[in-house]
N, C-alpha and C. Protein backbone atom coordinates (compact mmCIF):
# COMPACT_ATOMS: atom_id res chain seq x y z
N MET A 1 -14.50 14.94 20.21
CA MET A 1 -14.79 13.68 19.56
C MET A 1 -14.79 13.84 18.05
N THR A 2 -15.28 14.98 17.57
CA THR A 2 -15.32 15.20 16.13
C THR A 2 -13.92 15.18 15.53
N ALA A 3 -12.96 15.77 16.22
CA ALA A 3 -11.59 15.80 15.70
C ALA A 3 -11.02 14.39 15.58
N ALA A 4 -11.27 13.56 16.56
CA ALA A 4 -10.77 12.18 16.52
C ALA A 4 -11.44 11.41 15.38
N LEU A 5 -12.73 11.56 15.26
CA LEU A 5 -13.46 10.86 14.20
C LEU A 5 -13.03 11.37 12.83
N THR A 6 -12.80 12.65 12.71
CA THR A 6 -12.32 13.22 11.45
C THR A 6 -10.96 12.63 11.08
N ALA A 7 -10.09 12.48 12.07
CA ALA A 7 -8.76 11.91 11.82
C ALA A 7 -8.86 10.45 11.37
N VAL A 8 -9.73 9.69 12.01
CA VAL A 8 -9.91 8.28 11.62
C VAL A 8 -10.49 8.18 10.22
N LEU A 9 -11.47 9.03 9.92
CA LEU A 9 -12.06 9.02 8.58
C LEU A 9 -11.02 9.40 7.52
N ALA A 10 -10.16 10.35 7.84
CA ALA A 10 -9.10 10.75 6.91
C ALA A 10 -8.14 9.59 6.67
N LEU A 11 -7.84 8.85 7.72
CA LEU A 11 -6.96 7.68 7.59
C LEU A 11 -7.61 6.62 6.70
N ILE A 12 -8.89 6.38 6.91
CA ILE A 12 -9.61 5.42 6.08
C ILE A 12 -9.58 5.86 4.62
N GLU A 13 -9.81 7.15 4.38
CA GLU A 13 -9.79 7.67 3.01
C GLU A 13 -8.43 7.41 2.34
N GLN A 14 -7.36 7.51 3.12
CA GLN A 14 -6.03 7.32 2.56
C GLN A 14 -5.76 5.87 2.19
N ILE A 15 -6.35 4.91 2.92
CA ILE A 15 -6.08 3.51 2.60
C ILE A 15 -7.03 2.95 1.54
N LEU A 16 -8.12 3.65 1.26
CA LEU A 16 -9.09 3.14 0.29
C LEU A 16 -8.48 2.80 -1.07
N PRO A 17 -7.59 3.63 -1.61
CA PRO A 17 -7.01 3.28 -2.92
C PRO A 17 -6.16 2.01 -2.88
N LEU A 18 -5.75 1.59 -1.69
CA LEU A 18 -4.91 0.41 -1.55
C LEU A 18 -5.70 -0.89 -1.48
N LEU A 19 -7.03 -0.77 -1.34
CA LEU A 19 -7.86 -1.97 -1.21
C LEU A 19 -7.95 -2.69 -2.54
N GLY A 20 -7.59 -3.95 -2.52
CA GLY A 20 -7.65 -4.75 -3.73
C GLY A 20 -8.87 -5.64 -3.74
N SER A 21 -8.94 -6.50 -4.72
CA SER A 21 -10.10 -7.36 -4.88
C SER A 21 -10.19 -8.46 -3.83
N SER A 22 -9.15 -8.64 -3.04
CA SER A 22 -9.18 -9.67 -2.00
C SER A 22 -9.39 -9.08 -0.61
N GLN A 23 -9.90 -7.87 -0.54
CA GLN A 23 -10.01 -7.17 0.74
C GLN A 23 -11.44 -7.09 1.27
N ALA A 24 -12.27 -8.06 0.98
CA ALA A 24 -13.67 -8.02 1.42
C ALA A 24 -13.79 -7.92 2.94
N ASN A 25 -12.90 -8.57 3.68
CA ASN A 25 -12.97 -8.50 5.14
C ASN A 25 -12.66 -7.09 5.65
N LEU A 26 -11.69 -6.43 5.04
CA LEU A 26 -11.36 -5.06 5.44
C LEU A 26 -12.50 -4.13 5.07
N ILE A 27 -13.09 -4.34 3.93
CA ILE A 27 -14.25 -3.54 3.52
C ILE A 27 -15.37 -3.72 4.53
N ALA A 28 -15.61 -4.96 4.94
CA ALA A 28 -16.65 -5.23 5.94
C ALA A 28 -16.35 -4.51 7.25
N SER A 29 -15.10 -4.49 7.65
CA SER A 29 -14.71 -3.79 8.89
C SER A 29 -14.97 -2.29 8.79
N ILE A 30 -14.65 -1.72 7.64
CA ILE A 30 -14.87 -0.28 7.45
C ILE A 30 -16.37 0.03 7.46
N ILE A 31 -17.15 -0.80 6.80
CA ILE A 31 -18.61 -0.59 6.78
C ILE A 31 -19.18 -0.74 8.19
N ASP A 32 -18.71 -1.73 8.93
CA ASP A 32 -19.17 -1.91 10.32
C ASP A 32 -18.84 -0.68 11.16
N ALA A 33 -17.63 -0.15 10.98
CA ALA A 33 -17.24 1.05 11.73
C ALA A 33 -18.14 2.23 11.37
N LEU A 34 -18.38 2.44 10.08
CA LEU A 34 -19.26 3.54 9.67
C LEU A 34 -20.65 3.38 10.27
N THR A 35 -21.14 2.15 10.29
CA THR A 35 -22.47 1.88 10.84
C THR A 35 -22.50 2.22 12.34
N LYS A 36 -21.47 1.81 13.06
CA LYS A 36 -21.41 2.09 14.50
C LYS A 36 -21.24 3.57 14.77
N TRP A 37 -20.50 4.26 13.93
CA TRP A 37 -20.24 5.69 14.14
C TRP A 37 -21.36 6.57 13.60
N LEU A 38 -22.33 5.99 12.91
CA LEU A 38 -23.36 6.79 12.25
C LEU A 38 -24.05 7.79 13.18
N PRO A 39 -24.41 7.42 14.42
CA PRO A 39 -25.02 8.44 15.29
C PRO A 39 -24.12 9.66 15.51
N LEU A 40 -22.83 9.44 15.68
CA LEU A 40 -21.89 10.56 15.84
C LEU A 40 -21.73 11.33 14.53
N ILE A 41 -21.69 10.60 13.43
CA ILE A 41 -21.56 11.24 12.12
C ILE A 41 -22.76 12.15 11.86
N ILE A 42 -23.95 11.64 12.16
CA ILE A 42 -25.16 12.43 11.94
C ILE A 42 -25.17 13.65 12.85
N GLN A 43 -24.72 13.48 14.08
CA GLN A 43 -24.68 14.60 15.02
C GLN A 43 -23.73 15.70 14.53
N GLU A 44 -22.68 15.31 13.87
CA GLU A 44 -21.67 16.26 13.37
C GLU A 44 -21.61 16.26 11.85
N VAL A 45 -22.76 16.08 11.21
CA VAL A 45 -22.81 15.84 9.77
C VAL A 45 -22.18 16.95 8.94
N SER A 46 -22.28 18.18 9.37
CA SER A 46 -21.72 19.25 8.55
C SER A 46 -20.21 19.14 8.43
N ALA A 47 -19.55 18.63 9.48
CA ALA A 47 -18.09 18.50 9.44
C ALA A 47 -17.65 17.17 8.83
N LEU A 48 -18.48 16.15 8.91
CA LEU A 48 -18.07 14.82 8.51
C LEU A 48 -18.68 14.34 7.20
N TYR A 49 -19.56 15.12 6.62
CA TYR A 49 -20.28 14.71 5.41
C TYR A 49 -19.34 14.30 4.27
N THR A 50 -18.42 15.17 3.91
CA THR A 50 -17.56 14.91 2.76
C THR A 50 -16.69 13.68 2.94
N PRO A 51 -15.98 13.52 4.07
CA PRO A 51 -15.16 12.31 4.18
C PRO A 51 -15.99 11.02 4.17
N VAL A 52 -17.15 11.05 4.82
CA VAL A 52 -17.99 9.85 4.84
C VAL A 52 -18.50 9.54 3.44
N LYS A 53 -18.94 10.56 2.72
CA LYS A 53 -19.42 10.34 1.35
C LYS A 53 -18.29 9.80 0.46
N ASN A 54 -17.07 10.31 0.64
CA ASN A 54 -15.93 9.82 -0.14
C ASN A 54 -15.66 8.34 0.14
N ILE A 55 -15.74 7.97 1.41
CA ILE A 55 -15.50 6.57 1.80
C ILE A 55 -16.58 5.68 1.19
N ILE A 56 -17.83 6.09 1.31
CA ILE A 56 -18.93 5.31 0.76
C ILE A 56 -18.77 5.15 -0.75
N GLU A 57 -18.42 6.22 -1.42
CA GLU A 57 -18.24 6.17 -2.87
C GLU A 57 -17.10 5.24 -3.27
N ALA A 58 -15.98 5.33 -2.57
CA ALA A 58 -14.82 4.49 -2.90
C ALA A 58 -15.11 3.02 -2.64
N LEU A 59 -15.75 2.72 -1.52
CA LEU A 59 -16.07 1.32 -1.22
C LEU A 59 -17.11 0.78 -2.21
N SER A 60 -18.05 1.61 -2.59
CA SER A 60 -19.08 1.18 -3.56
C SER A 60 -18.46 0.85 -4.91
N ALA A 61 -17.41 1.55 -5.28
CA ALA A 61 -16.75 1.33 -6.56
C ALA A 61 -15.74 0.18 -6.53
N ASN A 62 -15.40 -0.30 -5.33
CA ASN A 62 -14.40 -1.36 -5.21
C ASN A 62 -15.00 -2.69 -5.64
N PRO A 63 -14.34 -3.42 -6.54
CA PRO A 63 -14.90 -4.69 -7.00
C PRO A 63 -14.98 -5.76 -5.92
N ALA A 64 -14.26 -5.60 -4.82
CA ALA A 64 -14.30 -6.57 -3.73
C ALA A 64 -15.53 -6.40 -2.85
N THR A 65 -16.25 -5.31 -3.01
CA THR A 65 -17.44 -5.05 -2.21
C THR A 65 -18.55 -6.00 -2.64
N THR A 66 -19.08 -6.75 -1.67
CA THR A 66 -20.12 -7.73 -1.98
C THR A 66 -21.47 -7.02 -2.16
N ALA A 67 -22.44 -7.76 -2.64
CA ALA A 67 -23.78 -7.20 -2.84
C ALA A 67 -24.39 -6.76 -1.51
N ASP A 68 -24.20 -7.56 -0.46
CA ASP A 68 -24.72 -7.18 0.86
C ASP A 68 -24.03 -5.92 1.37
N GLN A 69 -22.72 -5.84 1.17
CA GLN A 69 -21.98 -4.65 1.60
C GLN A 69 -22.44 -3.44 0.81
N LEU A 70 -22.68 -3.61 -0.46
CA LEU A 70 -23.15 -2.50 -1.30
C LEU A 70 -24.52 -2.02 -0.83
N ALA A 71 -25.39 -2.94 -0.45
CA ALA A 71 -26.71 -2.56 0.07
C ALA A 71 -26.57 -1.77 1.36
N THR A 72 -25.67 -2.20 2.24
CA THR A 72 -25.43 -1.48 3.49
C THR A 72 -24.88 -0.09 3.21
N LEU A 73 -23.96 0.00 2.26
CA LEU A 73 -23.40 1.31 1.89
C LEU A 73 -24.48 2.23 1.34
N GLN A 74 -25.39 1.70 0.55
CA GLN A 74 -26.47 2.52 0.00
C GLN A 74 -27.38 3.03 1.12
N GLN A 75 -27.62 2.21 2.14
CA GLN A 75 -28.43 2.64 3.29
C GLN A 75 -27.70 3.73 4.07
N LEU A 76 -26.40 3.52 4.30
CA LEU A 76 -25.61 4.54 5.01
C LEU A 76 -25.61 5.84 4.23
N ASP A 77 -25.45 5.75 2.92
CA ASP A 77 -25.43 6.92 2.06
C ASP A 77 -26.74 7.71 2.20
N ALA A 78 -27.84 7.00 2.17
CA ALA A 78 -29.15 7.66 2.28
C ALA A 78 -29.31 8.32 3.65
N GLN A 79 -28.85 7.65 4.71
CA GLN A 79 -28.96 8.21 6.05
C GLN A 79 -28.11 9.47 6.20
N VAL A 80 -26.92 9.44 5.66
CA VAL A 80 -26.03 10.60 5.74
C VAL A 80 -26.62 11.76 4.94
N ASP A 81 -27.14 11.46 3.74
CA ASP A 81 -27.76 12.51 2.93
C ASP A 81 -28.96 13.13 3.65
N THR A 82 -29.79 12.30 4.25
CA THR A 82 -30.97 12.80 4.98
C THR A 82 -30.55 13.69 6.14
N ALA A 83 -29.54 13.27 6.89
CA ALA A 83 -29.06 14.07 8.02
C ALA A 83 -28.48 15.39 7.55
N PHE A 84 -27.73 15.35 6.44
CA PHE A 84 -27.13 16.58 5.93
C PHE A 84 -28.21 17.55 5.44
N GLU A 85 -29.19 17.02 4.74
CA GLU A 85 -30.28 17.87 4.26
C GLU A 85 -31.05 18.49 5.42
N ALA A 86 -31.26 17.72 6.48
CA ALA A 86 -31.95 18.25 7.66
C ALA A 86 -31.12 19.34 8.33
N ALA A 87 -29.82 19.12 8.41
CA ALA A 87 -28.95 20.13 9.02
C ALA A 87 -28.91 21.39 8.17
N ALA A 88 -28.88 21.23 6.86
CA ALA A 88 -28.87 22.39 5.97
C ALA A 88 -30.18 23.15 6.06
N ALA A 89 -31.28 22.44 6.13
CA ALA A 89 -32.59 23.10 6.24
C ALA A 89 -32.72 23.86 7.55
N ALA A 90 -32.09 23.34 8.60
CA ALA A 90 -32.17 23.98 9.91
C ALA A 90 -31.47 25.34 9.93
N VAL A 91 -30.50 25.52 9.06
CA VAL A 91 -29.76 26.79 9.04
C VAL A 91 -30.09 27.63 7.81
N ASP A 92 -31.01 27.18 6.99
CA ASP A 92 -31.37 27.88 5.76
C ASP A 92 -32.37 29.01 6.11
N PRO A 93 -31.95 30.26 5.94
CA PRO A 93 -32.86 31.36 6.29
C PRO A 93 -34.06 31.46 5.37
N ASP A 94 -33.98 30.82 4.22
CA ASP A 94 -35.10 30.86 3.27
C ASP A 94 -36.04 29.68 3.40
N ALA A 95 -35.72 28.77 4.31
CA ALA A 95 -36.57 27.58 4.47
C ALA A 95 -37.93 28.00 5.08
N PRO A 96 -38.99 27.35 4.62
CA PRO A 96 -40.30 27.67 5.19
C PRO A 96 -40.37 27.28 6.66
N ALA A 97 -41.10 28.05 7.44
CA ALA A 97 -41.23 27.75 8.87
C ALA A 97 -42.07 26.50 9.03
N ALA A 98 -41.68 25.71 10.01
CA ALA A 98 -42.41 24.44 10.24
C ALA A 98 -43.68 24.68 11.05
């Protein structure tokens, strides 16, 4: 499943530069997909962190992104960061024992 999701995320990354100011519906579709895939992304965060962060960053910078979409992207960004930090702490040999 990770390979398929990685391929889809890579495809999304490739089309991001093509999004113009009239693409709010496509941006909404991408955000909806990220939201739906978030449980899988979090489960495989070490492999999917960079492409997801790139997508969030590109959509956040797009002028067609609405305020509501930007708020959703900020929430997704925080969730991905939290999951990545938790995964990193789980494998950090210097992390304090819980």
